Amino acid sequence: MFVVNNFMSAIAQLIDFLLTAYMWIIIGRAVVSWVSADPYNPVVRFLYEATEPVLSRIRRWLPINFGSIDFSPMILILAIMFLQSFLVQSLRQLAMRMG
């Protein structure tokens, strides 16, 4: 059973890392949107291409805009924080119970 325990623990850690990395990508996208960054810069293009599919879906579901402020990155970050506290913690507790 310790193999399953280690596997579930590793999956939880990997999901936690990927969610944290994506959250930082979203924060980078928000910061870049505040300054006039070069749209042809590879970093700016990566940030846009990595986040726009998810952010556009959130904008379609919840069209929350006050003036020129876009709240979709904040909603996505809150969703990531929920997944980290619910999904990752559930996987970790499941791994601990199996071991």
C-alpha atoms as a PDB file:
ATOM      1  CA  MET A   1       0.000   0.000   0.000  1.00  0.00           C
ATOM      2  CA  PHE A   2       2.915   2.365   0.512  1.00  0.00           C
ATOM      3  CA  VAL A   3       3.375   2.522  -3.278  1.00  0.00           C
ATOM      4  CA  VAL A   4      -0.173   3.824  -3.753  1.00  0.00           C
ATOM      5  CA  ASN A   5       0.377   6.213  -0.850  1.00  0.00           C
ATOM      6  CA  ASN A   6       3.534   7.599  -2.461  1.00  0.00           C
ATOM      7  CA  PHE A   7       1.863   7.798  -5.856  1.00  0.00           C
ATOM      8  CA  MET A   8      -1.139   9.755  -4.518  1.00  0.00           C
ATOM      9  CA  SER A   9       1.177  12.030  -2.578  1.00  0.00           C
ATOM     10  CA  ALA A  10       3.273  12.684  -5.686  1.00  0.00           C
ATOM     11  CA  ILE A  11       0.157  13.414  -7.757  1.00  0.00           C
ATOM     12  CA  ALA A  12      -1.050  15.883  -5.119  1.00  0.00           C
ATOM     13  CA  GLN A  13       2.332  17.602  -5.069  1.00  0.00           C
ATOM     14  CA  LEU A  14       2.458  17.786  -8.879  1.00  0.00           C
ATOM     15  CA  ILE A  15      -1.052  19.246  -9.109  1.00  0.00           C
ATOM     16  CA  ASP A  16      -0.172  21.771  -6.405  1.00  0.00           C
ATOM     17  CA  PHE A  17       2.973  22.818  -8.295  1.00  0.00           C
ATOM     18  CA  LEU A  18       1.142  23.147 -11.630  1.00  0.00           C
ATOM     19  CA  LEU A  19      -1.649  25.205 -10.085  1.00  0.00           C
ATOM     20  CA  THR A  20       0.857  27.495  -8.351  1.00  0.00           C
ATOM     21  CA  ALA A  21       2.846  27.947 -11.569  1.00  0.00           C
ATOM     22  CA  TYR A  22      -0.322  28.781 -13.509  1.00  0.00           C
ATOM     23  CA  MET A  23      -1.331  31.269 -10.832  1.00  0.00           C
ATOM     24  CA  TRP A  24       2.003  33.062 -11.281  1.00  0.00           C
ATOM     25  CA  ILE A  25       1.481  33.071 -15.048  1.00  0.00           C
ATOM     26  CA  ILE A  26      -1.893  34.740 -14.499  1.00  0.00           C
ATOM     27  CA  ILE A  27      -0.319  37.310 -12.180  1.00  0.00           C
ATOM     28  CA  GLY A  28       2.362  37.968 -14.805  1.00  0.00           C
ATOM     29  CA  ARG A  29      -0.340  38.447 -17.424  1.00  0.00           C
ATOM     30  CA  ALA A  30      -2.152  40.950 -15.189  1.00  0.00           C
ATOM     31  CA  VAL A  31       1.036  42.915 -14.527  1.00  0.00           C
ATOM     32  CA  VAL A  32       1.915  42.980 -18.240  1.00  0.00           C
ATOM     33  CA  SER A  33      -1.571  44.282 -19.039  1.00  0.00           C
ATOM     34  CA  TRP A  34      -0.990  47.303 -16.789  1.00  0.00           C
ATOM     35  CA  VAL A  35       2.072  48.476 -18.718  1.00  0.00           C
ATOM     36  CA  SER A  36       2.384  48.983 -22.433  1.00  0.00           C
ATOM     37  CA  ALA A  37       4.415  45.877 -23.202  1.00  0.00           C
ATOM     38  CA  ASP A  38       5.518  44.930 -26.685  1.00  0.00           C
ATOM     39  CA  PRO A  39       2.875  42.492 -28.007  1.00  0.00           C
ATOM     40  CA  TYR A  40       5.523  40.791 -30.162  1.00  0.00           C
ATOM     41  CA  ASN A  41       7.742  39.970 -27.198  1.00  0.00           C
ATOM     42  CA  PRO A  42       7.872  36.164 -26.797  1.00  0.00           C
ATOM     43  CA  VAL A  43       7.246  36.358 -23.047  1.00  0.00           C
ATOM     44  CA  VAL A  44       4.190  38.572 -23.499  1.00  0.00           C
ATOM     45  CA  ARG A  45       2.880  36.297 -26.248  1.00  0.00           C
ATOM     46  CA  PHE A  46       3.387  33.219 -24.029  1.00  0.00           C
ATOM     47  CA  LEU A  47       1.532  34.846 -21.136  1.00  0.00           C
ATOM     48  CA  TYR A  48      -1.332  35.804 -23.425  1.00  0.00           C
ATOM     49  CA  GLU A  49      -1.559  32.406 -25.164  1.00  0.00           C
ATOM     50  CA  ALA A  50      -1.345  30.481 -21.879  1.00  0.00           C
ATOM     51  CA  THR A  51      -4.085  32.414 -20.131  1.00  0.00           C
ATOM     52  CA  GLU A  52      -6.481  33.760 -22.738  1.00  0.00           C
ATOM     53  CA  PRO A  53      -8.415  30.516 -23.424  1.00  0.00           C
ATOM     54  CA  VAL A  54      -9.373  30.174 -19.752  1.00  0.00           C
ATOM     55  CA  LEU A  55      -9.903  33.882 -19.147  1.00  0.00           C
ATOM     56  CA  SER A  56     -12.136  34.253 -22.217  1.00  0.00           C
ATOM     57  CA  ARG A  57     -14.371  31.427 -20.956  1.00  0.00           C
ATOM     58  CA  ILE A  58     -14.676  33.134 -17.582  1.00  0.00           C
ATOM     59  CA  ARG A  59     -15.552  36.415 -19.323  1.00  0.00           C
ATOM     60  CA  ARG A  60     -18.266  34.620 -21.310  1.00  0.00           C
ATOM     61  CA  TRP A  61     -19.777  32.973 -18.203  1.00  0.00           C
ATOM     62  CA  LEU A  62     -19.424  35.931 -15.857  1.00  0.00           C
ATOM     63  CA  PRO A  63     -19.247  39.220 -17.734  1.00  0.00           C
ATOM     64  CA  ILE A  64     -18.019  41.220 -14.748  1.00  0.00           C
ATOM     65  CA  ASN A  65     -16.391  44.447 -15.940  1.00  0.00           C
ATOM     66  CA  PHE A  66     -16.476  47.765 -14.189  1.00  0.00           C
ATOM     67  CA  GLY A  67     -15.186  50.313 -16.623  1.00  0.00           C
ATOM     68  CA  SER A  68     -11.938  49.012 -18.009  1.00  0.00           C
ATOM     69  CA  ILE A  69     -11.158  46.693 -15.069  1.00  0.00           C
ATOM     70  CA  ASP A  70     -11.244  42.982 -15.918  1.00  0.00           C
ATOM     71  CA  PHE A  71     -11.970  40.756 -12.926  1.00  0.00           C
ATOM     72  CA  SER A  72     -11.532  37.438 -14.744  1.00  0.00           C
ATOM     73  CA  PRO A  73      -7.893  36.957 -13.576  1.00  0.00           C
ATOM     74  CA  MET A  74      -8.978  37.432  -9.964  1.00  0.00           C
ATOM     75  CA  ILE A  75     -11.829  34.939 -10.396  1.00  0.00           C
ATOM     76  CA  LEU A  76      -9.412  32.429 -11.929  1.00  0.00           C
ATOM     77  CA  ILE A  77      -6.914  32.899  -9.104  1.00  0.00           C
ATOM     78  CA  LEU A  78      -9.705  32.327  -6.571  1.00  0.00           C
ATOM     79  CA  ALA A  79     -10.693  29.149  -8.426  1.00  0.00           C
ATOM     80  CA  ILE A  80      -7.072  27.956  -8.331  1.00  0.00           C
ATOM     81  CA  MET A  81      -6.867  28.674  -4.617  1.00  0.00           C
ATOM     82  CA  PHE A  82     -10.069  26.675  -4.100  1.00  0.00           C
ATOM     83  CA  LEU A  83      -8.638  23.746  -6.069  1.00  0.00           C
ATOM     84  CA  GLN A  84      -5.437  23.883  -4.053  1.00  0.00           C
ATOM     85  CA  SER A  85      -7.266  23.865  -0.741  1.00  0.00           C
ATOM     86  CA  PHE A  86      -9.880  21.274  -1.752  1.00  0.00           C
ATOM     87  CA  LEU A  87      -8.452  18.936  -4.392  1.00  0.00           C
ATOM     88  CA  VAL A  88      -4.808  18.883  -3.347  1.00  0.00           C
ATOM     89  CA  GLN A  89      -5.600  18.604   0.351  1.00  0.00           C
ATOM     90  CA  SER A  90      -8.140  15.845  -0.340  1.00  0.00           C
ATOM     91  CA  LEU A  91      -5.547  13.892  -2.311  1.00  0.00           C
ATOM     92  CA  ARG A  92      -2.998  14.323   0.463  1.00  0.00           C
ATOM     93  CA  GLN A  93      -5.432  13.162   3.135  1.00  0.00           C
ATOM     94  CA  LEU A  94      -6.447  10.209   0.973  1.00  0.00           C
ATOM     95  CA  ALA A  95      -2.782   9.269   0.585  1.00  0.00           C
ATOM     96  CA  MET A  96      -2.229   9.511   4.342  1.00  0.00           C
ATOM     97  CA  ARG A  97      -5.216   7.242   5.052  1.00  0.00           C
ATOM     98  CA  MET A  98      -3.961   4.633   2.583  1.00  0.00           C
ATOM     99  CA  GLY A  99      -0.535   4.522   4.173  1.00  0.00           C
END
